[in-house]
Amino acid sequence: MAYAQKMLLEGVSDAVCFVLGALAGYGLGQAVGIDIFADGYSGAGIVGILMVGLGGGAGLHIARIWRGRQQAKDRLKEAEAD
């Protein structure tokens, strides 16, 4: 795979997984009754914002784990082919 394709895959997978994780954090907050868009900065609103940030970070971490496993599989296939 060319360098540009690897970088594109990395960027797109990071972005997609970050957004999905952030949406999961937002949805979890909504499920427990936390509205991050409420007026002012209440304690619940701050917790909701924190949940969105942690969800995005977790999604990004999952994307990097997935890419690492894919790269390990690719290296194993190349080693077996030699």
C-alpha atoms as a PDB file:
ATOM      1  CA  MET A   1       0.000   0.000   0.000  1.00  0.00           C
ATOM      2  CA  ALA A   2       1.342   3.405  -0.912  1.00  0.00           C
ATOM      3  CA  TYR A   3       2.285   5.917   1.764  1.00  0.00           C
ATOM      4  CA  ALA A   4      -0.501   8.326   0.762  1.00  0.00           C
ATOM      5  CA  GLN A   5      -3.097   5.561   0.994  1.00  0.00           C
ATOM      6  CA  LYS A   6      -1.858   4.578   4.463  1.00  0.00           C
ATOM      7  CA  MET A   7      -2.093   8.169   5.655  1.00  0.00           C
ATOM      8  CA  LEU A   8      -5.573   8.552   4.177  1.00  0.00           C
ATOM      9  CA  LEU A   9      -6.720   5.343   5.891  1.00  0.00           C
ATOM     10  CA  GLU A  10      -5.249   6.560   9.176  1.00  0.00           C
ATOM     11  CA  GLY A  11      -6.932   9.944   8.977  1.00  0.00           C
ATOM     12  CA  VAL A  12     -10.325   8.646   7.929  1.00  0.00           C
ATOM     13  CA  SER A  13     -10.384   5.840  10.496  1.00  0.00           C
ATOM     14  CA  ASP A  14      -9.324   8.246  13.262  1.00  0.00           C
ATOM     15  CA  ALA A  15     -12.017  10.751  12.302  1.00  0.00           C
ATOM     16  CA  VAL A  16     -14.822   8.223  11.925  1.00  0.00           C
ATOM     17  CA  CYS A  17     -14.060   6.401  15.161  1.00  0.00           C
ATOM     18  CA  PHE A  18     -13.626   9.666  17.069  1.00  0.00           C
ATOM     19  CA  VAL A  19     -17.020  10.932  15.900  1.00  0.00           C
ATOM     20  CA  LEU A  20     -18.719   7.594  16.612  1.00  0.00           C
ATOM     21  CA  GLY A  21     -17.185   7.512  20.092  1.00  0.00           C
ATOM     22  CA  ALA A  22     -18.251  11.086  20.784  1.00  0.00           C
ATOM     23  CA  LEU A  23     -21.784  10.280  19.625  1.00  0.00           C
ATOM     24  CA  ALA A  24     -21.800   7.219  21.877  1.00  0.00           C
ATOM     25  CA  GLY A  25     -20.745   9.396  24.818  1.00  0.00           C
ATOM     26  CA  TYR A  26     -23.453  11.915  23.961  1.00  0.00           C
ATOM     27  CA  GLY A  27     -26.059   9.177  23.649  1.00  0.00           C
ATOM     28  CA  LEU A  28     -25.041   7.670  26.977  1.00  0.00           C
ATOM     29  CA  GLY A  29     -25.352  11.089  28.570  1.00  0.00           C
ATOM     30  CA  GLN A  30     -28.798  11.569  27.070  1.00  0.00           C
ATOM     31  CA  ALA A  31     -29.825   8.108  28.294  1.00  0.00           C
ATOM     32  CA  VAL A  32     -29.034   9.066  31.882  1.00  0.00           C
ATOM     33  CA  GLY A  33     -30.666  12.494  31.544  1.00  0.00           C
ATOM     34  CA  ILE A  34     -27.626  14.738  31.035  1.00  0.00           C
ATOM     35  CA  ASP A  35     -28.073  17.572  28.537  1.00  0.00           C
ATOM     36  CA  ILE A  36     -24.787  19.129  27.443  1.00  0.00           C
ATOM     37  CA  PHE A  37     -26.627  21.942  25.649  1.00  0.00           C
ATOM     38  CA  ALA A  38     -28.507  23.208  28.711  1.00  0.00           C
ATOM     39  CA  ASP A  39     -28.114  26.881  29.621  1.00  0.00           C
ATOM     40  CA  GLY A  40     -25.122  27.638  31.801  1.00  0.00           C
ATOM     41  CA  TYR A  41     -22.421  25.326  33.027  1.00  0.00           C
ATOM     42  CA  SER A  42     -24.065  23.109  35.573  1.00  0.00           C
ATOM     43  CA  GLY A  43     -22.312  20.128  37.102  1.00  0.00           C
ATOM     44  CA  ALA A  44     -24.396  17.764  34.976  1.00  0.00           C
ATOM     45  CA  GLY A  45     -23.522  19.702  31.826  1.00  0.00           C
ATOM     46  CA  ILE A  46     -19.810  19.472  32.596  1.00  0.00           C
ATOM     47  CA  VAL A  47     -20.142  15.715  33.191  1.00  0.00           C
ATOM     48  CA  GLY A  48     -21.945  15.410  29.853  1.00  0.00           C
ATOM     49  CA  ILE A  49     -19.176  17.289  28.046  1.00  0.00           C
ATOM     50  CA  LEU A  50     -16.644  15.049  29.757  1.00  0.00           C
ATOM     51  CA  MET A  51     -18.556  11.972  28.578  1.00  0.00           C
ATOM     52  CA  VAL A  52     -18.483  13.211  24.979  1.00  0.00           C
ATOM     53  CA  GLY A  53     -14.736  13.865  25.192  1.00  0.00           C
ATOM     54  CA  LEU A  54     -13.981  10.512  26.772  1.00  0.00           C
ATOM     55  CA  GLY A  55     -16.150   8.751  24.193  1.00  0.00           C
ATOM     56  CA  GLY A  56     -14.268  10.467  21.366  1.00  0.00           C
ATOM     57  CA  GLY A  57     -10.932   9.557  22.910  1.00  0.00           C
ATOM     58  CA  ALA A  58     -12.021   5.946  23.354  1.00  0.00           C
ATOM     59  CA  GLY A  59     -13.134   5.807  19.727  1.00  0.00           C
ATOM     60  CA  LEU A  60      -9.771   7.136  18.607  1.00  0.00           C
ATOM     61  CA  HIS A  61      -7.980   4.562  20.747  1.00  0.00           C
ATOM     62  CA  ILE A  62     -10.103   1.769  19.261  1.00  0.00           C
ATOM     63  CA  ALA A  63      -9.246   2.965  15.741  1.00  0.00           C
ATOM     64  CA  ARG A  64      -5.534   2.828  16.511  1.00  0.00           C
ATOM     65  CA  ILE A  65      -5.813  -0.645  18.014  1.00  0.00           C
ATOM     66  CA  TRP A  66      -7.706  -1.811  14.918  1.00  0.00           C
ATOM     67  CA  ARG A  67      -5.077  -0.342  12.571  1.00  0.00           C
ATOM     68  CA  GLY A  68      -2.278  -1.943  14.582  1.00  0.00           C
ATOM     69  CA  ARG A  69      -3.906  -5.344  14.271  1.00  0.00           C
ATOM     70  CA  GLN A  70      -4.425  -4.844  10.543  1.00  0.00           C
ATOM     71  CA  GLN A  71      -0.763  -3.931  10.112  1.00  0.00           C
ATOM     72  CA  ALA A  72       0.306  -6.983  12.106  1.00  0.00           C
ATOM     73  CA  LYS A  73      -1.823  -9.207   9.849  1.00  0.00           C
ATOM     74  CA  ASP A  74      -0.297  -7.587   6.760  1.00  0.00           C
ATOM     75  CA  ARG A  75       3.242  -8.134   8.065  1.00  0.00           C
ATOM     76  CA  LEU A  76       2.421 -11.767   8.847  1.00  0.00           C
ATOM     77  CA  LYS A  77       1.105 -12.316   5.315  1.00  0.00           C
ATOM     78  CA  GLU A  78       4.249 -10.740   3.853  1.00  0.00           C
ATOM     79  CA  ALA A  79       6.465 -12.928   6.052  1.00  0.00           C
ATOM     80  CA  GLU A  80       4.596 -16.059   5.000  1.00  0.00           C
ATOM     81  CA  ALA A  81       4.903 -15.101   1.340  1.00  0.00           C
ATOM     82  CA  ASP A  82       8.705 -14.835   1.581  1.00  0.00           C
END
